Amino acid sequence: MTMRWIAALLVAAALGACSTPQRQALFVVLPNPDGSAGSVTVDSGSSSVVLDKAYAASEVRGGTAAPVALDAAQVQQVFGPTIAARPILPAHFRLYFISDSDVLTPASQIQYRDVFADIKRRPVYQVTVIGHTDTLGDKTYNQQLSLSRAKAIRERLVKDGLTGQSISVAGRGELDLAVKTGDQVSEPRNRRVEITVQ
C-alpha cells in the first residue's frame, strides 16, 4: 500500500511538471552597495510586473510575467557565479588641498586611505586624477598648480605600491570650479583633485 502511494505521488508530480510551462526568464533586482534598489518593469506582452525593491523578482512562464518570492540566499544560489563575475563599479573621490600648495588638508590625508583601499581591492585598475584650483592668483600659475596637485597624488599612489602606468593625470586650473566664484576668490572646495577609479 505504501509503495503504491509513493508511486502515485511520483506520477502525479511528473504529470504536474509536464503541464507547467518551463521558466523562460527570471528577473531579479539586486541591491546597490548602500542597500537601495532601482526599479524595472518586466513586460511579457500579456502581463507586466514592477520590481522596485531589493530582491524583488519576476519570472516569465508560457509568455506570462508573474512575481516570484526570492530571498538573498536563493538569488545567490541561482546567480552566484554571475554576481561574482561582475566588474567592480567605478568609484569617485575628491581630495582637498591647503591653499597655494600641493599638500592635502588633514581631512583629505585621512580620506586618501579610502582611495588607496578602493584601488587595491581591484584586480585590474585604471585611475584618473584631475587637479583643480580656486580663482585666487594667475590663470597660468593655477594651471601649473592644478597639474602639480594631480602629480603629487600620482606620486603618492606609486610610492604606496600602485602601478604608475595605470594612473593618468591632468590639470584643469580654475576651468571647472566645484563652487562658482568670481575672480581672485579663495574657495577651499575648489582646491581639489577629482579621482576616478575603475
N, C-alpha and C. Protein backbone atom coordinates (compact mmCIF):
# COMPACT_ATOMS: atom_id res chain seq x y z
N MET A 1 0.83 -1.19 0.00
CA MET A 1 0.00 0.00 0.00
C MET A 1 0.87 1.25 0.00
N THR A 2 1.91 1.22 0.81
CA THR A 2 2.80 2.37 0.88
C THR A 2 3.52 2.58 -0.45
N MET A 3 3.97 1.50 -1.09
CA MET A 3 4.67 1.60 -2.37
C MET A 3 3.76 2.18 -3.45
N ARG A 4 2.47 1.76 -3.46
CA ARG A 4 1.53 2.31 -4.44
C ARG A 4 1.34 3.82 -4.22
N TRP A 5 1.28 4.26 -2.96
CA TRP A 5 1.09 5.67 -2.64
C TRP A 5 2.27 6.49 -3.12
N ILE A 6 3.50 6.03 -2.90
CA ILE A 6 4.70 6.73 -3.36
C ILE A 6 4.72 6.78 -4.88
N ALA A 7 4.38 5.67 -5.53
CA ALA A 7 4.37 5.63 -7.00
C ALA A 7 3.33 6.62 -7.53
N ALA A 8 2.17 6.70 -6.89
CA ALA A 8 1.12 7.61 -7.33
C ALA A 8 1.59 9.07 -7.20
N LEU A 9 2.30 9.38 -6.11
CA LEU A 9 2.83 10.74 -5.93
C LEU A 9 3.85 11.09 -7.00
N LEU A 10 4.71 10.14 -7.32
CA LEU A 10 5.73 10.39 -8.34
C LEU A 10 5.10 10.61 -9.71
N VAL A 11 4.08 9.82 -10.05
CA VAL A 11 3.39 10.00 -11.33
C VAL A 11 2.68 11.34 -11.37
N ALA A 12 2.01 11.70 -10.26
CA ALA A 12 1.30 12.99 -10.19
C ALA A 12 2.28 14.15 -10.34
N ALA A 13 3.45 14.04 -9.68
CA ALA A 13 4.46 15.10 -9.78
C ALA A 13 4.97 15.22 -11.20
N ALA A 14 5.18 14.08 -11.86
CA ALA A 14 5.67 14.09 -13.24
C ALA A 14 4.63 14.70 -14.17
N LEU A 15 3.37 14.35 -13.97
CA LEU A 15 2.31 14.91 -14.82
C LEU A 15 2.17 16.41 -14.59
N GLY A 16 2.30 16.82 -13.31
CA GLY A 16 2.21 18.25 -12.98
C GLY A 16 3.34 19.03 -13.63
N ALA A 17 4.54 18.44 -13.64
CA ALA A 17 5.69 19.10 -14.24
C ALA A 17 5.50 19.26 -15.74
N CYS A 18 4.88 18.26 -16.37
CA CYS A 18 4.66 18.33 -17.81
C CYS A 18 3.65 19.40 -18.17
N SER A 19 2.66 19.64 -17.29
CA SER A 19 1.62 20.61 -17.62
C SER A 19 2.02 22.04 -17.28
N THR A 20 3.07 22.25 -16.47
CA THR A 20 3.52 23.59 -16.12
C THR A 20 4.56 24.05 -17.13
N PRO A 21 4.34 25.20 -17.75
CA PRO A 21 5.32 25.69 -18.72
C PRO A 21 6.67 25.96 -18.04
N GLN A 22 7.73 25.71 -18.76
CA GLN A 22 9.06 25.96 -18.21
C GLN A 22 9.33 27.45 -18.12
N ARG A 23 10.18 27.80 -17.16
CA ARG A 23 10.56 29.20 -16.99
C ARG A 23 11.32 29.66 -18.23
N GLN A 24 10.89 30.77 -18.81
CA GLN A 24 11.56 31.34 -19.97
C GLN A 24 12.58 32.40 -19.57
N ALA A 25 12.31 33.09 -18.46
CA ALA A 25 13.21 34.14 -18.00
C ALA A 25 12.96 34.41 -16.52
N LEU A 26 14.01 34.84 -15.83
CA LEU A 26 13.92 35.21 -14.42
C LEU A 26 14.62 36.55 -14.25
N PHE A 27 13.93 37.51 -13.63
CA PHE A 27 14.47 38.85 -13.42
C PHE A 27 14.49 39.12 -11.92
N VAL A 28 15.62 39.67 -11.43
CA VAL A 28 15.77 39.99 -10.01
C VAL A 28 16.45 41.35 -9.89
N VAL A 29 15.96 42.19 -8.99
CA VAL A 29 16.58 43.48 -8.70
C VAL A 29 17.59 43.26 -7.58
N LEU A 30 18.87 43.51 -7.88
CA LEU A 30 19.92 43.39 -6.86
C LEU A 30 20.08 44.72 -6.15
N PRO A 31 20.40 44.69 -4.86
CA PRO A 31 20.58 45.95 -4.13
C PRO A 31 21.88 46.64 -4.51
N ASN A 32 21.88 47.96 -4.41
CA ASN A 32 23.11 48.74 -4.56
C ASN A 32 23.96 48.53 -3.31
N PRO A 33 25.25 48.93 -3.36
CA PRO A 33 26.10 48.76 -2.17
C PRO A 33 25.52 49.41 -0.92
N ASP A 34 24.75 50.50 -1.07
CA ASP A 34 24.17 51.17 0.11
C ASP A 34 22.83 50.57 0.53
N GLY A 35 22.38 49.49 -0.15
CA GLY A 35 21.13 48.83 0.20
C GLY A 35 19.93 49.31 -0.58
N SER A 36 20.05 50.44 -1.27
CA SER A 36 18.93 50.94 -2.07
C SER A 36 18.78 50.07 -3.32
N ALA A 37 17.68 50.26 -4.03
CA ALA A 37 17.45 49.48 -5.25
C ALA A 37 16.76 50.35 -6.28
N GLY A 38 17.01 50.04 -7.53
CA GLY A 38 16.34 50.73 -8.61
C GLY A 38 14.99 50.09 -8.89
N SER A 39 14.49 50.32 -10.09
CA SER A 39 13.19 49.78 -10.44
C SER A 39 13.23 49.32 -11.89
N VAL A 40 12.53 48.22 -12.17
CA VAL A 40 12.43 47.71 -13.53
C VAL A 40 11.04 47.12 -13.72
N THR A 41 10.51 47.25 -14.92
CA THR A 41 9.22 46.65 -15.25
C THR A 41 9.46 45.48 -16.20
N VAL A 42 8.95 44.31 -15.82
CA VAL A 42 9.04 43.13 -16.68
C VAL A 42 7.72 43.04 -17.42
N ASP A 43 7.77 43.17 -18.73
CA ASP A 43 6.56 43.17 -19.56
C ASP A 43 6.66 42.04 -20.56
N SER A 44 5.77 41.07 -20.46
CA SER A 44 5.80 39.92 -21.36
C SER A 44 4.89 40.11 -22.57
N GLY A 45 4.22 41.22 -22.65
CA GLY A 45 3.26 41.46 -23.73
C GLY A 45 1.84 41.22 -23.25
N SER A 46 1.65 40.15 -22.48
CA SER A 46 0.31 39.86 -21.97
C SER A 46 0.15 40.29 -20.51
N SER A 47 1.27 40.52 -19.83
CA SER A 47 1.21 40.96 -18.43
C SER A 47 2.51 41.68 -18.10
N SER A 48 2.48 42.47 -17.01
CA SER A 48 3.70 43.17 -16.58
C SER A 48 3.78 43.17 -15.07
N VAL A 49 5.01 43.21 -14.56
CA VAL A 49 5.27 43.23 -13.13
C VAL A 49 6.32 44.31 -12.86
N VAL A 50 6.07 45.17 -11.87
CA VAL A 50 7.04 46.20 -11.48
C VAL A 50 7.86 45.65 -10.32
N LEU A 51 9.19 45.68 -10.49
CA LEU A 51 10.11 45.25 -9.44
C LEU A 51 10.80 46.51 -8.93
N ASP A 52 10.53 46.88 -7.66
CA ASP A 52 11.04 48.16 -7.19
C ASP A 52 11.68 48.11 -5.80
N LYS A 53 12.10 46.93 -5.38
CA LYS A 53 12.86 46.83 -4.13
C LYS A 53 13.88 45.71 -4.26
N ALA A 54 14.84 45.70 -3.36
CA ALA A 54 15.91 44.70 -3.42
C ALA A 54 15.33 43.29 -3.37
N TYR A 55 15.82 42.45 -4.25
CA TYR A 55 15.45 41.04 -4.39
C TYR A 55 14.01 40.82 -4.86
N ALA A 56 13.34 41.88 -5.32
CA ALA A 56 12.05 41.67 -5.97
C ALA A 56 12.33 40.88 -7.25
N ALA A 57 11.46 39.92 -7.56
CA ALA A 57 11.73 39.03 -8.69
C ALA A 57 10.46 38.74 -9.47
N SER A 58 10.66 38.43 -10.75
CA SER A 58 9.57 38.05 -11.63
C SER A 58 10.09 37.00 -12.59
N GLU A 59 9.24 36.05 -12.92
CA GLU A 59 9.60 35.06 -13.92
C GLU A 59 8.58 35.10 -15.05
N VAL A 60 9.02 34.68 -16.21
CA VAL A 60 8.12 34.57 -17.36
C VAL A 60 7.99 33.09 -17.69
N ARG A 61 6.75 32.61 -17.64
CA ARG A 61 6.42 31.22 -17.99
C ARG A 61 5.26 31.25 -18.98
N GLY A 62 5.39 30.51 -20.05
CA GLY A 62 4.31 30.45 -21.03
C GLY A 62 3.94 31.81 -21.57
N GLY A 63 4.91 32.73 -21.63
CA GLY A 63 4.64 34.07 -22.17
C GLY A 63 4.00 35.01 -21.19
N THR A 64 3.87 34.63 -19.92
CA THR A 64 3.23 35.48 -18.91
C THR A 64 4.21 35.81 -17.79
N ALA A 65 4.32 37.10 -17.44
CA ALA A 65 5.17 37.54 -16.34
C ALA A 65 4.39 37.48 -15.04
N ALA A 66 5.03 36.97 -14.00
CA ALA A 66 4.39 36.91 -12.68
C ALA A 66 5.46 37.10 -11.61
N PRO A 67 5.09 37.73 -10.49
CA PRO A 67 6.06 37.89 -9.40
C PRO A 67 6.38 36.55 -8.75
N VAL A 68 7.61 36.42 -8.28
CA VAL A 68 8.02 35.24 -7.50
C VAL A 68 8.76 35.73 -6.27
N ALA A 69 8.71 34.93 -5.21
CA ALA A 69 9.38 35.29 -3.97
C ALA A 69 10.76 34.65 -3.94
N LEU A 70 11.78 35.48 -3.82
CA LEU A 70 13.15 35.01 -3.69
C LEU A 70 13.82 35.80 -2.58
N ASP A 71 14.68 35.15 -1.81
CA ASP A 71 15.45 35.88 -0.82
C ASP A 71 16.91 35.94 -1.27
N ALA A 72 17.74 36.60 -0.49
CA ALA A 72 19.14 36.81 -0.87
C ALA A 72 19.87 35.49 -1.07
N ALA A 73 19.60 34.50 -0.22
CA ALA A 73 20.27 33.20 -0.34
C ALA A 73 19.88 32.50 -1.64
N GLN A 74 18.61 32.56 -2.00
CA GLN A 74 18.16 31.93 -3.25
C GLN A 74 18.76 32.63 -4.46
N VAL A 75 18.82 33.95 -4.41
CA VAL A 75 19.42 34.70 -5.51
C VAL A 75 20.89 34.32 -5.65
N GLN A 76 21.58 34.20 -4.53
CA GLN A 76 22.99 33.81 -4.56
C GLN A 76 23.15 32.42 -5.15
N GLN A 77 22.24 31.52 -4.81
CA GLN A 77 22.31 30.15 -5.33
C GLN A 77 22.12 30.13 -6.85
N VAL A 78 21.17 30.92 -7.35
CA VAL A 78 20.87 30.93 -8.78
C VAL A 78 21.92 31.72 -9.56
N PHE A 79 22.28 32.90 -9.05
CA PHE A 79 23.12 33.82 -9.81
C PHE A 79 24.53 33.99 -9.25
N GLY A 80 24.92 33.19 -8.27
CA GLY A 80 26.22 33.35 -7.61
C GLY A 80 27.40 33.55 -8.55
N PRO A 81 27.62 32.65 -9.52
CA PRO A 81 28.77 32.83 -10.42
C PRO A 81 28.69 34.12 -11.24
N THR A 82 27.49 34.49 -11.64
CA THR A 82 27.32 35.72 -12.42
C THR A 82 27.61 36.95 -11.56
N ILE A 83 27.10 36.95 -10.33
CA ILE A 83 27.34 38.07 -9.42
C ILE A 83 28.83 38.21 -9.13
N ALA A 84 29.50 37.07 -8.93
CA ALA A 84 30.93 37.10 -8.63
C ALA A 84 31.75 37.62 -9.81
N ALA A 85 31.24 37.44 -11.03
CA ALA A 85 31.98 37.87 -12.23
C ALA A 85 31.75 39.34 -12.58
N ARG A 86 30.84 40.02 -11.88
CA ARG A 86 30.58 41.43 -12.19
C ARG A 86 31.83 42.27 -11.93
N PRO A 87 32.12 43.22 -12.80
CA PRO A 87 33.24 44.12 -12.51
C PRO A 87 32.86 45.04 -11.35
N ILE A 88 33.86 45.48 -10.64
CA ILE A 88 33.63 46.44 -9.56
C ILE A 88 33.26 47.78 -10.20
N LEU A 89 32.22 48.40 -9.70
CA LEU A 89 31.76 49.67 -10.26
C LEU A 89 32.81 50.77 -10.06
N PRO A 90 32.86 51.73 -10.98
CA PRO A 90 33.80 52.84 -10.80
C PRO A 90 33.51 53.59 -9.50
N ALA A 91 34.54 54.17 -8.94
CA ALA A 91 34.39 54.97 -7.71
C ALA A 91 34.97 56.36 -7.97
N HIS A 92 34.39 57.35 -7.30
CA HIS A 92 34.82 58.74 -7.47
C HIS A 92 35.18 59.31 -6.10
N PHE A 93 36.28 60.02 -6.05
CA PHE A 93 36.75 60.62 -4.80
C PHE A 93 37.14 62.06 -5.07
N ARG A 94 37.09 62.86 -4.01
CA ARG A 94 37.51 64.26 -4.09
C ARG A 94 38.38 64.53 -2.87
N LEU A 95 39.61 64.94 -3.12
CA LEU A 95 40.53 65.30 -2.05
C LEU A 95 40.86 66.79 -2.15
N TYR A 96 41.05 67.44 -1.00
CA TYR A 96 41.24 68.89 -0.96
C TYR A 96 42.65 69.25 -0.51
N PHE A 97 43.08 70.46 -0.91
CA PHE A 97 44.44 70.90 -0.66
C PHE A 97 44.48 72.20 0.13
N ILE A 98 45.60 72.37 0.83
CA ILE A 98 45.88 73.63 1.50
C ILE A 98 46.12 74.69 0.44
N SER A 99 45.73 75.90 0.70
CA SER A 99 45.83 76.99 -0.28
C SER A 99 47.25 77.15 -0.81
N ASP A 100 47.35 77.34 -2.13
CA ASP A 100 48.61 77.62 -2.83
C ASP A 100 49.65 76.51 -2.62
N SER A 101 49.19 75.24 -2.55
CA SER A 101 50.14 74.14 -2.36
C SER A 101 49.59 72.86 -2.96
N ASP A 102 50.47 71.84 -3.00
CA ASP A 102 50.03 70.51 -3.41
C ASP A 102 50.01 69.56 -2.21
N VAL A 103 49.76 70.13 -1.03
CA VAL A 103 49.68 69.37 0.23
C VAL A 103 48.21 69.19 0.60
N LEU A 104 47.82 67.94 0.86
CA LEU A 104 46.44 67.65 1.22
C LEU A 104 46.08 68.25 2.57
N THR A 105 44.82 68.62 2.73
CA THR A 105 44.32 69.05 4.03
C THR A 105 44.36 67.85 4.98
N PRO A 106 44.36 68.07 6.29
CA PRO A 106 44.36 66.94 7.22
C PRO A 106 43.21 65.95 6.99
N ALA A 107 42.01 66.45 6.72
CA ALA A 107 40.87 65.56 6.49
C ALA A 107 41.09 64.72 5.23
N SER A 108 41.64 65.33 4.18
CA SER A 108 41.89 64.59 2.95
C SER A 108 43.05 63.61 3.08
N GLN A 109 43.99 63.91 3.98
CA GLN A 109 45.06 62.94 4.27
C GLN A 109 44.44 61.63 4.75
N ILE A 110 43.42 61.74 5.59
CA ILE A 110 42.73 60.55 6.10
C ILE A 110 41.92 59.88 5.00
N GLN A 111 41.21 60.68 4.20
CA GLN A 111 40.38 60.12 3.13
C GLN A 111 41.22 59.45 2.05
N TYR A 112 42.46 59.87 1.89
CA TYR A 112 43.36 59.24 0.92
C TYR A 112 43.41 57.72 1.13
N ARG A 113 43.35 57.29 2.38
CA ARG A 113 43.39 55.84 2.68
C ARG A 113 42.23 55.11 2.02
N ASP A 114 41.05 55.75 1.97
CA ASP A 114 39.89 55.14 1.31
C ASP A 114 40.13 54.99 -0.19
N VAL A 115 40.75 56.00 -0.79
CA VAL A 115 41.08 55.94 -2.22
C VAL A 115 42.01 54.76 -2.46
N PHE A 116 43.08 54.70 -1.69
CA PHE A 116 44.07 53.64 -1.87
C PHE A 116 43.45 52.26 -1.65
N ALA A 117 42.62 52.13 -0.62
CA ALA A 117 41.97 50.84 -0.34
C ALA A 117 41.06 50.42 -1.48
N ASP A 118 40.33 51.36 -2.06
CA ASP A 118 39.45 51.04 -3.17
C ASP A 118 40.25 50.53 -4.37
N ILE A 119 41.35 51.18 -4.66
CA ILE A 119 42.18 50.76 -5.79
C ILE A 119 42.75 49.37 -5.54
N LYS A 120 43.24 49.13 -4.34
CA LYS A 120 43.90 47.85 -4.02
C LYS A 120 42.95 46.66 -4.08
N ARG A 121 41.66 46.88 -3.91
CA ARG A 121 40.73 45.74 -3.92
C ARG A 121 40.39 45.29 -5.34
N ARG A 122 40.84 46.05 -6.33
CA ARG A 122 40.55 45.73 -7.73
C ARG A 122 41.69 44.90 -8.33
N PRO A 123 41.36 43.78 -9.00
CA PRO A 123 42.43 43.01 -9.62
C PRO A 123 43.12 43.78 -10.75
N VAL A 124 42.36 44.61 -11.45
CA VAL A 124 42.88 45.48 -12.51
C VAL A 124 42.27 46.85 -12.28
N TYR A 125 43.05 47.89 -12.47
CA TYR A 125 42.52 49.22 -12.22
C TYR A 125 43.08 50.24 -13.21
N GLN A 126 42.30 51.29 -13.38
CA GLN A 126 42.72 52.47 -14.14
C GLN A 126 42.29 53.67 -13.30
N VAL A 127 43.23 54.55 -13.01
CA VAL A 127 42.96 55.70 -12.15
C VAL A 127 43.20 56.98 -12.93
N THR A 128 42.25 57.90 -12.84
CA THR A 128 42.41 59.23 -13.43
C THR A 128 42.37 60.26 -12.32
N VAL A 129 43.39 61.12 -12.28
CA VAL A 129 43.49 62.16 -11.26
C VAL A 129 43.51 63.51 -11.97
N ILE A 130 42.52 64.34 -11.69
CA ILE A 130 42.44 65.65 -12.32
C ILE A 130 42.52 66.72 -11.24
N GLY A 131 43.52 67.60 -11.37
CA GLY A 131 43.74 68.66 -10.40
C GLY A 131 42.97 69.92 -10.74
N HIS A 132 42.61 70.67 -9.69
CA HIS A 132 41.84 71.91 -9.84
C HIS A 132 42.35 72.94 -8.83
N THR A 133 42.04 74.20 -9.09
CA THR A 133 42.39 75.28 -8.15
C THR A 133 41.18 76.20 -7.97
N ASP A 134 41.33 77.12 -7.04
CA ASP A 134 40.34 78.19 -6.94
C ASP A 134 40.77 79.30 -7.89
N THR A 135 40.15 80.47 -7.83
CA THR A 135 40.45 81.55 -8.78
C THR A 135 41.47 82.54 -8.25
N LEU A 136 42.00 82.27 -7.06
CA LEU A 136 42.99 83.17 -6.48
C LEU A 136 44.30 83.01 -7.25
N GLY A 137 44.85 84.09 -7.74
CA GLY A 137 46.12 84.03 -8.46
C GLY A 137 45.95 84.05 -9.97
N ASP A 138 47.06 83.92 -10.64
CA ASP A 138 47.14 84.00 -12.09
C ASP A 138 46.68 82.69 -12.74
N LYS A 139 45.99 82.77 -13.88
CA LYS A 139 45.46 81.58 -14.55
C LYS A 139 46.57 80.60 -14.95
N THR A 140 47.69 81.11 -15.46
CA THR A 140 48.81 80.24 -15.86
C THR A 140 49.38 79.52 -14.64
N TYR A 141 49.55 80.26 -13.56
CA TYR A 141 50.06 79.65 -12.32
C TYR A 141 49.08 78.59 -11.81
N ASN A 142 47.79 78.90 -11.85
CA ASN A 142 46.79 77.95 -11.37
C ASN A 142 46.76 76.69 -12.21
N GLN A 143 46.99 76.82 -13.51
CA GLN A 143 47.06 75.63 -14.36
C GLN A 143 48.22 74.74 -13.92
N GLN A 144 49.37 75.33 -13.68
CA GLN A 144 50.54 74.57 -13.24
C GLN A 144 50.30 73.95 -11.86
N LEU A 145 49.68 74.71 -10.96
CA LEU A 145 49.40 74.21 -9.62
C LEU A 145 48.43 73.03 -9.66
N SER A 146 47.42 73.11 -10.51
CA SER A 146 46.45 72.01 -10.59
C SER A 146 47.12 70.73 -11.09
N LEU A 147 48.04 70.86 -12.05
CA LEU A 147 48.77 69.69 -12.54
C LEU A 147 49.71 69.17 -11.46
N SER A 148 50.32 70.07 -10.71
CA SER A 148 51.20 69.67 -9.61
C SER A 148 50.42 68.88 -8.55
N ARG A 149 49.21 69.28 -8.28
CA ARG A 149 48.37 68.55 -7.31
C ARG A 149 48.07 67.14 -7.81
N ALA A 150 47.70 67.03 -9.08
CA ALA A 150 47.41 65.70 -9.64
C ALA A 150 48.65 64.81 -9.61
N LYS A 151 49.80 65.40 -9.98
CA LYS A 151 51.05 64.61 -9.97
C LYS A 151 51.44 64.19 -8.56
N ALA A 152 51.18 65.06 -7.57
CA ALA A 152 51.51 64.71 -6.18
C ALA A 152 50.72 63.49 -5.73
N ILE A 153 49.45 63.41 -6.11
CA ILE A 153 48.65 62.24 -5.75
C ILE A 153 49.15 61.01 -6.48
N ARG A 154 49.47 61.15 -7.76
CA ARG A 154 50.01 60.01 -8.53
C ARG A 154 51.29 59.50 -7.88
N GLU A 155 52.21 60.41 -7.54
CA GLU A 155 53.47 60.01 -6.92
C GLU A 155 53.23 59.28 -5.60
N ARG A 156 52.27 59.75 -4.83
CA ARG A 156 51.98 59.09 -3.55
C ARG A 156 51.40 57.69 -3.76
N LEU A 157 50.51 57.55 -4.74
CA LEU A 157 49.95 56.23 -5.03
C LEU A 157 51.03 55.26 -5.49
N VAL A 158 51.94 55.74 -6.33
CA VAL A 158 53.05 54.89 -6.80
C VAL A 158 53.97 54.53 -5.63
N LYS A 159 54.27 55.51 -4.80
CA LYS A 159 55.12 55.26 -3.62
C LYS A 159 54.49 54.21 -2.71
N ASP A 160 53.15 54.19 -2.65
CA ASP A 160 52.44 53.23 -1.81
C ASP A 160 52.27 51.87 -2.49
N GLY A 161 52.78 51.71 -3.72
CA GLY A 161 52.81 50.39 -4.33
C GLY A 161 51.95 50.18 -5.56
N LEU A 162 51.30 51.23 -6.07
CA LEU A 162 50.48 51.05 -7.26
C LEU A 162 51.32 51.23 -8.53
N THR A 163 50.80 50.73 -9.63
CA THR A 163 51.48 50.81 -10.91
C THR A 163 51.27 52.18 -11.54
N GLY A 164 52.35 52.88 -11.79
CA GLY A 164 52.27 54.23 -12.34
C GLY A 164 51.63 54.29 -13.72
N GLN A 165 51.83 53.23 -14.53
CA GLN A 165 51.27 53.22 -15.88
C GLN A 165 49.75 53.18 -15.87
N SER A 166 49.14 52.83 -14.75
CA SER A 166 47.69 52.75 -14.65
C SER A 166 47.07 54.02 -14.07
N ILE A 167 47.90 55.06 -13.90
CA ILE A 167 47.41 56.30 -13.30
C ILE A 167 47.69 57.46 -14.26
N SER A 168 46.63 58.08 -14.76
CA SER A 168 46.80 59.25 -15.64
C SER A 168 46.45 60.51 -14.87
N VAL A 169 47.12 61.60 -15.22
CA VAL A 169 46.90 62.87 -14.52
C VAL A 169 46.63 63.98 -15.52
N ALA A 170 45.93 65.00 -15.05
CA ALA A 170 45.67 66.20 -15.84
C ALA A 170 45.42 67.35 -14.88
N GLY A 171 45.65 68.56 -15.35
CA GLY A 171 45.37 69.75 -14.57
C GLY A 171 44.37 70.62 -15.31
N ARG A 172 43.36 71.09 -14.60
CA ARG A 172 42.32 71.92 -15.21
C ARG A 172 42.35 73.36 -14.68
N GLY A 173 43.30 73.65 -13.81
CA GLY A 173 43.39 75.01 -13.28
C GLY A 173 42.08 75.43 -12.64
N GLU A 174 41.61 76.60 -13.03
CA GLU A 174 40.35 77.12 -12.48
C GLU A 174 39.20 77.00 -13.47
N LEU A 175 39.34 76.09 -14.46
CA LEU A 175 38.32 75.96 -15.50
C LEU A 175 37.03 75.29 -15.03
N ASP A 176 37.12 74.32 -14.15
CA ASP A 176 35.93 73.57 -13.72
C ASP A 176 35.72 73.74 -12.22
N LEU A 177 35.24 74.87 -11.83
CA LEU A 177 35.05 75.16 -10.41
C LEU A 177 33.93 74.31 -9.83
N ALA A 178 34.17 73.71 -8.66
CA ALA A 178 33.12 72.98 -7.96
C ALA A 178 32.12 73.96 -7.38
N VAL A 179 32.62 75.11 -6.94
CA VAL A 179 31.79 76.18 -6.41
C VAL A 179 32.06 77.42 -7.27
N LYS A 180 31.06 77.90 -7.97
CA LYS A 180 31.23 79.05 -8.85
C LYS A 180 31.53 80.30 -8.03
N THR A 181 32.61 80.97 -8.39
CA THR A 181 33.00 82.21 -7.71
C THR A 181 33.48 83.21 -8.76
N GLY A 182 33.69 84.42 -8.33
CA GLY A 182 34.31 85.41 -9.19
C GLY A 182 35.81 85.20 -9.22
N ASP A 183 36.51 86.09 -9.89
CA ASP A 183 37.97 86.02 -9.97
C ASP A 183 38.59 86.45 -8.63
N GLN A 184 39.75 85.86 -8.34
CA GLN A 184 40.53 86.17 -7.13
C GLN A 184 39.77 85.87 -5.84
N VAL A 185 39.07 84.73 -5.84
CA VAL A 185 38.33 84.29 -4.65
C VAL A 185 38.96 83.02 -4.11
N SER A 186 39.29 83.03 -2.84
CA SER A 186 39.83 81.85 -2.18
C SER A 186 38.66 80.96 -1.76
N GLU A 187 38.53 79.80 -2.39
CA GLU A 187 37.44 78.88 -2.09
C GLU A 187 38.01 77.47 -1.86
N PRO A 188 38.03 77.00 -0.60
CA PRO A 188 38.65 75.70 -0.28
C PRO A 188 38.09 74.53 -1.08
N ARG A 189 36.79 74.56 -1.42
CA ARG A 189 36.20 73.42 -2.13
C ARG A 189 36.62 73.35 -3.59
N ASN A 190 37.24 74.41 -4.10
CA ASN A 190 37.76 74.38 -5.47
C ASN A 190 39.20 73.87 -5.52
N ARG A 191 39.89 73.88 -4.41
CA ARG A 191 41.29 73.42 -4.35
C ARG A 191 41.29 71.91 -4.12
N ARG A 192 41.23 71.16 -5.23
CA ARG A 192 40.94 69.73 -5.09
C ARG A 192 41.55 68.92 -6.23
N VAL A 193 41.52 67.61 -6.05
CA VAL A 193 41.70 66.68 -7.15
C VAL A 193 40.44 65.81 -7.20
N GLU A 194 40.03 65.50 -8.41
CA GLU A 194 38.92 64.56 -8.65
C GLU A 194 39.57 63.26 -9.09
N ILE A 195 39.27 62.19 -8.39
CA ILE A 195 39.89 60.89 -8.68
C ILE A 195 38.78 59.92 -9.12
N THR A 196 38.98 59.31 -10.26
CA THR A 196 38.07 58.28 -10.75
C THR A 196 38.85 56.98 -10.81
N VAL A 197 38.30 55.96 -10.16
CA VAL A 197 38.93 54.64 -10.14
C VAL A 197 37.99 53.65 -10.84
N GLN A 198 38.53 52.93 -11.81
CA GLN A 198 37.73 51.91 -12.48
C GLN A 198 38.58 50.71 -12.83
